[in-house]
Amino acid sequence: MIKKLLIAAFVVGISVGFIDPSVKPKKTDPIVGLEIGNLAPELKYKDPEGKSISLSSLRGKVVLIDFWASWCGPCRMENPNLVAAYNKYSKAKFKTAKGFEIYSLSMDQDKNRWMGAIKQDKLDWANHVSDLGGWRSAGAATYGIRSIPSSYLIDENGIIIAKNIRGMLLHQELDKYVKSF
């Protein structure tokens, strides 16, 4: 009965002109959050030379946000995989994105150890940032980081498409968005 009344009201609304069937509902902006499908929260921190780099400056590319530290054994063990992924995908052609970047947010407190690990592990991408806050890092707090390594993969629009993927899972996830090599 209620269904029939709603249908009747809709038909009357169209015929009287209250409802325009050509008007499409407005697309709402994505919710900023930490779940897959959310817009990744903004990050803006300084690189080792003191230049500020914002996460949003990388829009248009698929980006891996990598939370790590020089003193973290599992992070350092994962770094060769990140280097391989960067070397493989930074030049790849993506279906809708303009490349792949890594935004490395270090949870170090010692700048020299941080810079030494970047050099030693051959982390050749440009987007290394930190506030040198350690576990009190504002970026880690924004993303609710409680253990490292931790990561978020975001698409060219800043939407989270995967979380905490490492090893070959990172490569398999990136392969989904690659047009060709």
Protein backbone atom coordinates (compact mmCIF):
# COMPACT_ATOMS: atom_id res chain seq x y z
CA MET A 1 0.00 0.00 0.00
CA ILE A 2 2.77 2.44 0.95
CA LYS A 3 4.72 1.50 -2.18
CA LYS A 4 1.67 2.34 -4.35
CA LEU A 5 1.26 5.70 -2.59
CA LEU A 6 4.92 6.58 -3.15
CA ILE A 7 4.70 5.67 -6.83
CA ALA A 8 1.51 7.71 -7.19
CA ALA A 9 3.11 10.71 -5.46
CA PHE A 10 6.14 10.47 -7.76
CA VAL A 11 3.95 10.29 -10.90
CA VAL A 12 1.89 13.27 -9.71
CA GLY A 13 5.06 15.18 -8.84
CA ILE A 14 6.44 14.68 -12.36
CA SER A 15 3.19 15.56 -14.07
CA VAL A 16 2.64 18.72 -11.99
CA GLY A 17 6.26 19.75 -12.44
CA PHE A 18 7.51 19.45 -8.88
CA ILE A 19 9.97 16.73 -9.81
CA ASP A 20 12.23 17.14 -12.82
CA PRO A 21 13.23 13.62 -13.97
CA SER A 22 16.20 15.03 -15.94
CA VAL A 23 17.87 16.36 -12.77
CA LYS A 24 20.46 13.90 -11.54
CA PRO A 25 21.39 13.78 -7.86
CA LYS A 26 24.59 15.69 -7.11
CA LYS A 27 27.68 13.61 -6.60
CA THR A 28 28.91 14.21 -3.09
CA ASP A 29 32.54 14.77 -2.28
CA PRO A 30 34.28 11.70 -0.89
CA ILE A 31 34.59 11.43 2.86
CA VAL A 32 38.05 12.12 4.24
CA GLY A 33 39.02 9.05 6.23
CA LEU A 34 41.15 5.97 6.54
CA GLU A 35 38.94 3.34 4.92
CA ILE A 36 39.18 2.07 1.36
CA GLY A 37 37.08 4.45 -0.76
CA ASN A 38 37.79 7.46 1.48
CA LEU A 39 39.80 10.50 0.46
CA ALA A 40 43.20 10.15 2.13
CA PRO A 41 43.85 12.83 4.77
CA GLU A 42 46.30 15.52 3.68
CA LEU A 43 49.92 15.31 4.78
CA LYS A 44 52.48 18.09 4.43
CA TYR A 45 55.94 17.69 5.89
CA LYS A 46 59.51 18.71 5.15
CA ASP A 47 62.06 16.70 3.24
CA PRO A 48 65.66 16.39 4.50
CA GLU A 49 66.54 19.72 2.84
CA GLY A 50 63.66 21.54 4.54
CA LYS A 51 61.32 21.77 1.53
CA SER A 52 57.64 21.12 2.31
CA ILE A 53 56.00 18.38 0.26
CA SER A 54 52.26 17.85 0.43
CA LEU A 55 50.57 14.59 -0.39
CA SER A 56 48.07 16.46 -2.57
CA SER A 57 50.94 17.76 -4.74
CA LEU A 58 51.17 14.20 -6.10
CA ARG A 59 47.56 14.11 -7.34
CA GLY A 60 47.26 12.59 -10.78
CA LYS A 61 49.55 9.70 -9.82
CA VAL A 62 49.04 6.47 -7.92
CA VAL A 63 50.83 7.01 -4.60
CA LEU A 64 52.02 4.67 -1.89
CA ILE A 65 52.12 6.43 1.48
CA ASP A 66 54.80 4.53 3.39
CA PHE A 67 55.23 4.96 7.15
CA TRP A 68 58.66 3.69 8.18
CA ALA A 69 61.80 4.47 10.20
CA SER A 70 65.54 3.83 9.95
CA TRP A 71 65.48 1.88 13.24
CA CYS A 72 62.62 -0.42 12.13
CA GLY A 73 63.98 -3.83 11.04
CA PRO A 74 60.82 -4.94 9.18
CA CYS A 75 60.74 -1.56 7.39
CA ARG A 76 64.31 -1.92 6.25
CA MET A 77 63.58 -5.49 5.09
CA GLU A 78 60.64 -4.16 3.02
CA ASN A 79 62.67 -1.34 1.44
CA PRO A 80 64.17 -3.51 -1.36
CA ASN A 81 60.60 -4.36 -2.41
CA LEU A 82 59.68 -0.66 -2.44
CA VAL A 83 62.75 0.09 -4.54
CA ALA A 84 61.75 -2.68 -6.98
CA ALA A 85 58.16 -1.40 -7.12
CA TYR A 86 59.31 2.17 -7.69
CA ASN A 87 61.73 1.13 -10.43
CA LYS A 88 59.07 -1.00 -12.11
CA TYR A 89 56.03 1.29 -11.84
CA SER A 90 57.36 4.86 -11.82
CA LYS A 91 57.74 4.68 -15.61
CA ALA A 92 54.71 2.45 -16.26
CA LYS A 93 51.67 3.71 -18.12
CA PHE A 94 48.56 3.60 -15.98
CA LYS A 95 44.95 3.42 -17.16
CA THR A 96 43.97 6.76 -15.63
CA ALA A 97 46.98 7.94 -13.59
CA LYS A 98 50.15 9.71 -14.67
CA GLY A 99 52.62 7.40 -12.96
CA PHE A 100 53.52 6.04 -9.54
CA GLU A 101 55.18 7.75 -6.60
CA ILE A 102 56.09 6.86 -3.05
CA TYR A 103 55.47 9.36 -0.24
CA SER A 104 57.76 8.11 2.54
CA LEU A 105 56.91 9.50 5.95
CA SER A 106 59.70 8.63 8.36
CA MET A 107 59.01 8.20 12.04
CA ASP A 108 62.62 8.88 12.90
CA GLN A 109 63.76 11.40 15.48
CA ASP A 110 67.35 11.61 14.25
CA LYS A 111 67.75 13.35 10.90
CA ASN A 112 71.19 11.86 10.23
CA ARG A 113 69.99 8.27 10.78
CA TRP A 114 66.96 8.98 8.55
CA MET A 115 69.11 10.40 5.74
CA GLY A 116 71.63 7.58 6.15
CA ALA A 117 68.92 4.93 5.74
CA ILE A 118 67.58 6.66 2.61
CA LYS A 119 71.08 6.54 1.09
CA GLN A 120 72.00 3.05 2.32
CA ASP A 121 68.73 1.48 1.12
CA LYS A 122 68.88 3.41 -2.20
CA LEU A 123 65.43 4.96 -1.75
CA ASP A 124 65.80 7.09 -4.86
CA TRP A 125 62.37 8.73 -4.99
CA ALA A 126 62.02 12.40 -4.13
CA ASN A 127 59.21 12.38 -1.61
CA HIS A 128 60.90 11.65 1.73
CA VAL A 129 59.34 13.63 4.58
CA SER A 130 59.32 13.70 8.38
CA ASP A 131 58.57 15.95 11.30
CA LEU A 132 61.18 13.97 13.29
CA GLY A 133 58.52 13.31 15.90
CA GLY A 134 59.05 9.56 16.20
CA TRP A 135 55.92 7.87 17.55
CA ARG A 136 54.53 11.35 18.24
CA SER A 137 54.64 12.20 14.52
CA ALA A 138 51.58 14.23 13.58
CA GLY A 139 51.25 12.32 10.29
CA ALA A 140 51.29 8.99 12.08
CA ALA A 141 48.60 10.29 14.44
CA THR A 142 46.46 11.46 11.51
CA TYR A 143 46.63 7.97 10.00
CA GLY A 144 46.29 6.11 13.29
CA ILE A 145 49.64 4.37 12.83
CA ARG A 146 50.38 1.97 15.70
CA SER A 147 52.99 -0.22 14.00
CA ILE A 148 55.38 0.11 11.09
CA PRO A 149 55.83 -0.55 8.28
CA SER A 150 52.34 0.66 7.42
CA SER A 151 51.10 1.88 4.08
CA TYR A 152 48.17 3.28 2.15
CA LEU A 153 47.86 3.07 -1.63
CA ILE A 154 45.88 5.93 -3.12
CA ASP A 155 44.66 6.52 -6.65
CA GLU A 156 45.20 9.58 -8.82
CA ASN A 157 42.31 11.38 -7.07
CA GLY A 158 43.65 10.74 -3.58
CA ILE A 159 41.18 7.93 -2.83
CA ILE A 160 42.46 5.03 -0.71
CA ILE A 161 42.45 1.85 -2.80
CA ALA A 162 44.46 -0.50 -0.55
CA LYS A 163 46.06 -0.61 2.88
CA ASN A 164 49.11 -2.31 4.36
CA ILE A 165 50.13 -4.23 1.27
CA ARG A 166 53.72 -5.39 1.10
CA GLY A 167 55.90 -7.67 -0.97
CA MET A 168 54.33 -9.09 -4.10
CA LEU A 169 50.86 -7.96 -2.98
CA LEU A 170 51.96 -4.37 -3.69
CA HIS A 171 53.04 -5.35 -7.20
CA GLN A 172 49.82 -7.30 -7.82
CA GLU A 173 47.71 -4.35 -6.68
CA LEU A 174 49.63 -1.91 -8.89
CA ASP A 175 49.29 -4.28 -11.85
CA LYS A 176 45.50 -3.75 -11.66
CA TYR A 177 45.95 -0.09 -12.62
CA VAL A 178 48.70 -0.42 -15.22
CA LYS A 179 47.78 -0.05 -18.89
CA SER A 180 51.00 -1.55 -20.23
CA PHE A 181 54.70 -1.70 -19.53
